[in-house]
């Protein structure tokens, strides 16, 4: 049986991917999907902080 991710888990993963791909915070995104703006702001901040503060660990060098 394959587990189905929750909306919060999917939103958090998307925030992490956004930060990793664009090398900037996901905070400020206005897409909330099935979630409210408060929980989305929290998930954006957690995902972005964890990716951007550990750029070196993940091999995300800020050079373009």
N, C-alpha and C. Protein backbone atom coordinates (compact mmCIF):
# COMPACT_ATOMS: atom_id res chain seq x y z
N UNK A 1 0.84 -1.18 0.00
CA UNK A 1 0.00 0.00 0.00
C UNK A 1 0.89 1.25 0.00
N UNK A 2 0.61 2.15 -0.91
CA UNK A 2 1.38 3.38 -1.04
C UNK A 2 0.71 4.48 -0.22
N UNK A 3 1.47 5.13 0.68
CA UNK A 3 0.86 6.21 1.46
C UNK A 3 0.60 7.44 0.60
N UNK A 4 -0.47 8.13 0.88
CA UNK A 4 -0.82 9.35 0.16
C UNK A 4 -0.39 10.54 1.01
N UNK A 5 0.40 11.46 0.46
CA UNK A 5 0.86 12.60 1.25
C UNK A 5 -0.29 13.54 1.60
N UNK A 6 -0.16 14.19 2.73
CA UNK A 6 -1.17 15.16 3.14
C UNK A 6 -0.96 16.47 2.39
N UNK A 7 -1.94 17.36 2.45
CA UNK A 7 -1.81 18.67 1.83
C UNK A 7 -0.64 19.44 2.45
N UNK A 8 -0.52 19.37 3.77
CA UNK A 8 0.55 20.09 4.45
C UNK A 8 1.92 19.56 4.04
N UNK A 9 2.05 18.25 3.97
CA UNK A 9 3.32 17.65 3.57
C UNK A 9 3.70 18.01 2.14
N UNK A 10 2.72 18.00 1.27
CA UNK A 10 2.96 18.36 -0.13
C UNK A 10 3.34 19.83 -0.26
N UNK A 11 2.67 20.68 0.50
CA UNK A 11 2.97 22.12 0.46
C UNK A 11 4.37 22.40 1.00
N UNK A 12 4.74 21.71 2.08
CA UNK A 12 6.07 21.86 2.64
C UNK A 12 7.14 21.42 1.64
N UNK A 13 6.91 20.29 0.99
CA UNK A 13 7.86 19.80 -0.01
C UNK A 13 7.99 20.79 -1.16
N UNK A 14 6.87 21.35 -1.60
CA UNK A 14 6.90 22.34 -2.69
C UNK A 14 7.68 23.58 -2.28
N UNK A 15 7.53 24.00 -1.03
CA UNK A 15 8.29 25.16 -0.54
C UNK A 15 9.79 24.87 -0.53
N UNK A 16 10.15 23.67 -0.15
CA UNK A 16 11.57 23.27 -0.16
C UNK A 16 12.11 23.23 -1.59
N UNK A 17 11.36 22.65 -2.50
CA UNK A 17 11.79 22.60 -3.90
C UNK A 17 11.94 24.00 -4.47
N UNK A 18 10.98 24.87 -4.18
CA UNK A 18 11.05 26.25 -4.68
C UNK A 18 12.34 26.92 -4.23
N UNK A 19 12.63 26.80 -2.94
CA UNK A 19 13.84 27.43 -2.39
C UNK A 19 15.11 26.84 -2.99
N UNK A 20 15.12 25.54 -3.20
CA UNK A 20 16.30 24.88 -3.76
C UNK A 20 16.50 25.24 -5.23
N UNK A 21 15.43 25.32 -5.99
CA UNK A 21 15.54 25.60 -7.42
C UNK A 21 15.87 27.07 -7.70
N UNK A 22 15.15 27.97 -7.01
CA UNK A 22 15.31 29.40 -7.29
C UNK A 22 16.28 30.10 -6.34
N UNK A 23 16.77 29.39 -5.35
CA UNK A 23 17.73 29.93 -4.39
C UNK A 23 17.21 31.18 -3.70
N UNK A 24 15.91 31.16 -3.37
CA UNK A 24 15.28 32.25 -2.65
C UNK A 24 14.13 31.70 -1.81
N UNK A 25 13.68 32.51 -0.90
CA UNK A 25 12.63 32.08 0.02
C UNK A 25 11.29 31.94 -0.70
N UNK A 26 10.52 30.99 -0.25
CA UNK A 26 9.16 30.79 -0.78
C UNK A 26 8.15 31.66 -0.04
N UNK A 27 8.60 32.36 0.99
CA UNK A 27 7.69 33.21 1.76
C UNK A 27 7.15 34.31 0.87
N UNK A 28 5.86 34.45 0.88
CA UNK A 28 5.21 35.47 0.06
C UNK A 28 4.37 34.88 -1.06
N UNK A 29 4.50 33.59 -1.27
CA UNK A 29 3.66 32.95 -2.28
C UNK A 29 2.20 33.09 -1.87
N UNK A 30 1.35 33.41 -2.81
CA UNK A 30 -0.07 33.60 -2.49
C UNK A 30 -0.93 32.41 -2.88
N UNK A 31 -0.32 31.34 -3.31
CA UNK A 31 -1.09 30.12 -3.60
C UNK A 31 -1.24 29.33 -2.32
N UNK A 32 -2.48 29.10 -1.90
CA UNK A 32 -2.74 28.40 -0.65
C UNK A 32 -3.37 27.03 -0.85
N UNK A 33 -3.88 26.75 -2.03
CA UNK A 33 -4.51 25.46 -2.26
C UNK A 33 -5.65 25.24 -1.29
N UNK A 34 -5.67 24.08 -0.65
CA UNK A 34 -6.73 23.73 0.30
C UNK A 34 -6.39 24.18 1.72
N UNK A 35 -5.27 24.88 1.89
CA UNK A 35 -4.82 25.31 3.21
C UNK A 35 -5.06 26.81 3.38
N UNK A 36 -5.05 27.26 4.61
CA UNK A 36 -5.23 28.68 4.89
C UNK A 36 -3.92 29.45 4.81
N UNK A 37 -4.00 30.78 4.75
CA UNK A 37 -2.79 31.59 4.61
C UNK A 37 -1.84 31.48 5.81
N UNK A 38 -2.35 31.31 7.01
CA UNK A 38 -1.47 31.22 8.18
C UNK A 38 -0.62 29.97 8.16
N UNK A 39 -1.23 28.83 7.87
CA UNK A 39 -0.47 27.57 7.84
C UNK A 39 0.48 27.58 6.65
N UNK A 40 0.08 28.18 5.54
CA UNK A 40 0.97 28.25 4.37
C UNK A 40 2.18 29.12 4.67
N UNK A 41 1.99 30.23 5.35
CA UNK A 41 3.11 31.08 5.72
C UNK A 41 4.09 30.30 6.60
N UNK A 42 3.55 29.56 7.55
CA UNK A 42 4.40 28.76 8.43
C UNK A 42 5.19 27.71 7.64
N UNK A 43 4.53 26.99 6.75
CA UNK A 43 5.20 25.96 5.96
C UNK A 43 6.22 26.56 5.00
N UNK A 44 5.91 27.72 4.43
CA UNK A 44 6.87 28.41 3.56
C UNK A 44 8.12 28.80 4.35
N UNK A 45 7.93 29.31 5.55
CA UNK A 45 9.08 29.75 6.34
C UNK A 45 9.93 28.56 6.80
N UNK A 46 9.29 27.48 7.21
CA UNK A 46 10.04 26.29 7.65
C UNK A 46 10.81 25.68 6.48
N UNK A 47 10.15 25.49 5.36
CA UNK A 47 10.80 24.89 4.20
C UNK A 47 11.95 25.74 3.68
N UNK A 48 11.70 27.03 3.53
CA UNK A 48 12.74 27.93 3.02
C UNK A 48 13.92 28.02 3.97
N UNK A 49 13.64 28.16 5.25
CA UNK A 49 14.72 28.29 6.23
C UNK A 49 15.61 27.06 6.22
N UNK A 50 15.01 25.89 6.22
CA UNK A 50 15.80 24.66 6.27
C UNK A 50 16.65 24.45 5.02
N UNK A 51 16.16 24.85 3.88
CA UNK A 51 16.95 24.69 2.65
C UNK A 51 18.01 25.77 2.54
N UNK A 52 17.62 27.03 2.72
CA UNK A 52 18.55 28.13 2.48
C UNK A 52 19.64 28.24 3.54
N UNK A 53 19.36 27.86 4.77
CA UNK A 53 20.39 27.90 5.81
C UNK A 53 21.39 26.76 5.69
N UNK A 54 21.06 25.78 4.90
CA UNK A 54 21.96 24.63 4.74
C UNK A 54 22.36 24.43 3.29
N UNK A 55 22.55 25.53 2.58
CA UNK A 55 22.93 25.47 1.16
C UNK A 55 24.16 24.61 0.94
N UNK A 56 25.16 24.83 1.76
CA UNK A 56 26.42 24.12 1.59
C UNK A 56 26.23 22.61 1.76
N UNK A 57 25.45 22.23 2.75
CA UNK A 57 25.20 20.82 3.02
C UNK A 57 24.53 20.14 1.82
N UNK A 58 23.61 20.86 1.18
CA UNK A 58 22.87 20.29 0.06
C UNK A 58 23.53 20.56 -1.29
N UNK A 59 24.66 21.27 -1.29
CA UNK A 59 25.36 21.55 -2.54
C UNK A 59 24.71 22.62 -3.36
N UNK A 60 24.02 23.55 -2.71
CA UNK A 60 23.34 24.63 -3.41
C UNK A 60 24.18 25.90 -3.28
N UNK A 61 25.12 26.06 -4.16
CA UNK A 61 26.00 27.22 -4.12
C UNK A 61 25.32 28.37 -4.84
N UNK A 62 25.42 29.56 -4.27
CA UNK A 62 24.73 30.73 -4.84
C UNK A 62 25.57 31.37 -5.94
N UNK A 63 25.76 30.65 -7.02
CA UNK A 63 26.47 31.16 -8.19
C UNK A 63 25.65 30.87 -9.43
N UNK A 64 25.39 31.91 -10.20
CA UNK A 64 24.61 31.74 -11.42
C UNK A 64 25.36 32.29 -12.59
